[in-house]
Amino acid sequence: MPLRADLDIAIRQHTVINVLKLGLVASIAFGDENSSEHGWPRQSQYHFSSCRRLSLRAQEALAVTGHEMFERAYRIQKNTLENAALLLPALWVNAAVISDRGAAALGAFWLTSKIWYAIAYQTDPAKRGPAFGLSMTAFALAWCAGAWGIKRVLMS
């Protein structure tokens, strides 16, 4: 029963955080600081007019090009950020319903494999496979353990 109460508290906290994020986005989008004559902030007005221009013309997606080493570093960063955004919720669930130490161990395992991935990708992209496989293993373990923990809490 205490696990269910902890899960309820975690869900409430998550809801509050999402409401605060929504308020921040709304204040940026509809704020009156640096507003144009239409009431939109200048950054938002520029963003919307840029989107409108891009949608009116048939244009290829913007690409990041440059030195080969820069492109590798950029892809490493984007891949890590994309994976981190999906891994962190799994680690939070693990910490809430299973074990803090287990979540920390999975996070450390993932981080170590991502460091190995970055080094391998930067030196020779063909050698990034084993490190990527380990990071995806940590990712899968985190989600499977989180799902098992949620099932365990809901069944008790």
Protein backbone atom coordinates (compact mmCIF):
# COMPACT_ATOMS: atom_id res chain seq x y z
CA MET A 1 0.00 0.00 0.00
CA PRO A 2 2.78 2.56 0.66
CA LEU A 3 4.04 2.06 -2.90
CA ARG A 4 0.64 2.99 -4.30
CA ALA A 5 0.59 6.18 -2.17
CA ASP A 6 4.08 7.06 -3.41
CA LEU A 7 2.94 6.47 -6.99
CA ASP A 8 -0.09 8.72 -6.45
CA ILE A 9 2.16 11.46 -5.09
CA ALA A 10 4.53 11.07 -8.05
CA ILE A 11 1.63 11.32 -10.51
CA ARG A 12 0.34 14.48 -8.82
CA GLN A 13 3.81 16.03 -8.88
CA HIS A 14 4.18 15.15 -12.56
CA THR A 15 0.82 16.79 -13.31
CA VAL A 16 1.85 19.96 -11.47
CA ILE A 17 5.13 20.10 -13.39
CA ASN A 18 3.30 19.73 -16.72
CA VAL A 19 0.89 22.53 -15.79
CA LEU A 20 3.85 24.77 -14.92
CA LYS A 21 5.51 23.95 -18.24
CA LEU A 22 2.29 24.77 -20.09
CA GLY A 23 2.09 28.09 -18.24
CA LEU A 24 5.67 28.90 -19.20
CA VAL A 25 5.00 28.14 -22.86
CA ALA A 26 1.82 30.23 -22.78
CA SER A 27 3.62 33.16 -21.16
CA ILE A 28 6.31 33.03 -23.83
CA ALA A 29 3.79 32.76 -26.64
CA PHE A 30 1.28 35.33 -25.35
CA GLY A 31 3.47 37.53 -23.16
CA ASP A 32 3.33 41.30 -23.55
CA GLU A 33 7.04 41.94 -23.22
CA ASN A 34 8.56 43.13 -26.51
CA SER A 35 5.16 42.73 -28.15
CA SER A 36 4.41 43.78 -31.65
CA GLU A 37 1.31 45.82 -32.55
CA HIS A 38 -0.71 42.56 -32.79
CA GLY A 39 0.07 41.55 -29.22
CA TRP A 40 2.35 38.66 -30.16
CA PRO A 41 5.92 38.65 -28.90
CA ARG A 42 8.32 39.48 -31.69
CA GLN A 43 10.03 36.06 -31.48
CA SER A 44 6.73 34.24 -31.92
CA GLN A 45 5.69 36.50 -34.77
CA TYR A 46 9.01 35.81 -36.50
CA HIS A 47 8.60 32.05 -35.90
CA PHE A 48 5.07 31.97 -37.31
CA SER A 49 5.97 34.06 -40.36
CA SER A 50 9.02 31.83 -41.00
CA CYS A 51 6.85 28.72 -40.81
CA ARG A 52 4.33 30.28 -43.17
CA ARG A 53 7.06 31.15 -45.68
CA LEU A 54 8.50 27.63 -45.52
CA SER A 55 5.11 26.03 -45.99
CA LEU A 56 4.29 28.19 -49.02
CA ARG A 57 7.42 27.13 -50.89
CA ALA A 58 8.34 23.58 -51.77
CA GLN A 59 11.67 23.38 -50.01
CA GLU A 60 13.90 20.62 -48.75
CA ALA A 61 14.38 20.24 -45.02
CA LEU A 62 17.15 22.33 -43.54
CA ALA A 63 20.37 20.40 -43.07
CA VAL A 64 23.41 20.94 -40.91
CA THR A 65 26.52 20.70 -43.01
CA GLY A 66 30.08 21.51 -42.32
CA HIS A 67 33.28 19.79 -41.42
CA GLU A 68 32.96 16.00 -41.10
CA MET A 69 34.11 16.01 -37.46
CA PHE A 70 31.54 18.70 -36.60
CA GLU A 71 28.76 16.66 -38.23
CA ARG A 72 29.79 13.60 -36.22
CA ALA A 73 29.81 15.58 -32.98
CA TYR A 74 26.42 17.06 -33.84
CA ARG A 75 24.92 13.63 -34.54
CA ILE A 76 26.39 12.29 -31.28
CA GLN A 77 24.77 15.15 -29.37
CA LYS A 78 21.39 14.78 -31.07
CA ASN A 79 21.33 11.00 -30.58
CA THR A 80 22.23 11.36 -26.91
CA LEU A 81 19.58 14.02 -26.32
CA GLU A 82 16.90 11.98 -28.08
CA ASN A 83 17.77 8.89 -26.04
CA ALA A 84 18.00 10.82 -22.77
CA ALA A 85 14.53 12.28 -23.27
CA LEU A 86 13.12 8.76 -23.50
CA LEU A 87 15.35 7.17 -20.85
CA LEU A 88 14.77 9.64 -18.01
CA PRO A 89 11.06 8.81 -17.54
CA ALA A 90 11.95 5.12 -17.34
CA LEU A 91 14.56 5.86 -14.69
CA TRP A 92 12.07 7.99 -12.72
CA VAL A 93 9.54 5.16 -12.79
CA ASN A 94 12.24 2.71 -11.67
CA ALA A 95 13.25 4.98 -8.83
CA ALA A 96 9.62 5.47 -7.75
CA VAL A 97 8.37 1.88 -7.86
CA ILE A 98 11.41 -0.41 -7.73
CA SER A 99 14.70 0.93 -6.39
CA ASP A 100 16.63 4.18 -6.37
CA ARG A 101 19.92 2.30 -6.53
CA GLY A 102 18.75 0.14 -9.42
CA ALA A 103 17.71 3.24 -11.36
CA ALA A 104 21.06 4.87 -10.59
CA ALA A 105 22.92 1.74 -11.74
CA LEU A 106 20.95 1.63 -15.01
CA GLY A 107 21.58 5.34 -15.55
CA ALA A 108 25.32 4.91 -14.90
CA PHE A 109 25.43 1.93 -17.28
CA TRP A 110 23.64 3.96 -19.97
CA LEU A 111 25.90 6.99 -19.43
CA THR A 112 29.06 4.87 -19.63
CA SER A 113 27.88 3.25 -22.85
CA LYS A 114 26.98 6.66 -24.35
CA ILE A 115 30.47 7.96 -23.53
CA TRP A 116 31.93 4.91 -25.25
CA TYR A 117 29.54 5.52 -28.17
CA ALA A 118 30.66 9.15 -28.48
CA ILE A 119 34.35 8.24 -28.47
CA ALA A 120 33.86 5.40 -30.95
CA TYR A 121 31.68 7.49 -33.28
CA GLN A 122 34.09 10.41 -33.24
CA THR A 123 37.10 8.24 -34.07
CA ASP A 124 35.49 5.85 -36.59
CA PRO A 125 31.71 5.77 -37.20
CA ALA A 126 31.88 2.13 -38.32
CA LYS A 127 32.93 1.10 -34.77
CA ARG A 128 29.99 2.66 -32.92
CA GLY A 129 27.78 -0.44 -33.12
CA PRO A 130 28.73 -2.28 -29.89
CA ALA A 131 28.48 0.88 -27.78
CA PHE A 132 25.13 1.75 -29.32
CA GLY A 133 23.94 -1.79 -28.60
CA LEU A 134 24.92 -1.47 -24.94
CA SER A 135 23.16 1.87 -24.58
CA MET A 136 20.01 0.41 -26.15
CA THR A 137 20.29 -2.58 -23.79
CA ALA A 138 20.31 -0.21 -20.81
CA PHE A 139 17.38 1.64 -22.38
CA ALA A 140 15.37 -1.59 -22.83
CA LEU A 141 16.20 -2.80 -19.32
CA ALA A 142 15.06 0.49 -17.82
CA TRP A 143 11.71 0.39 -19.63
CA CYS A 144 11.10 -3.32 -18.96
CA ALA A 145 11.95 -2.92 -15.27
CA GLY A 146 9.72 0.16 -15.07
CA ALA A 147 6.81 -1.68 -16.70
CA TRP A 148 7.31 -4.63 -14.35
CA GLY A 149 7.37 -2.27 -11.35
CA ILE A 150 4.17 -0.54 -12.44
CA LYS A 151 2.47 -3.90 -12.99
CA ARG A 152 3.63 -5.05 -9.55
CA VAL A 153 2.24 -1.90 -7.90
CA LEU A 154 -1.09 -2.10 -9.73
CA MET A 155 -1.53 -5.82 -8.96
CA SER A 156 -0.93 -5.42 -5.23
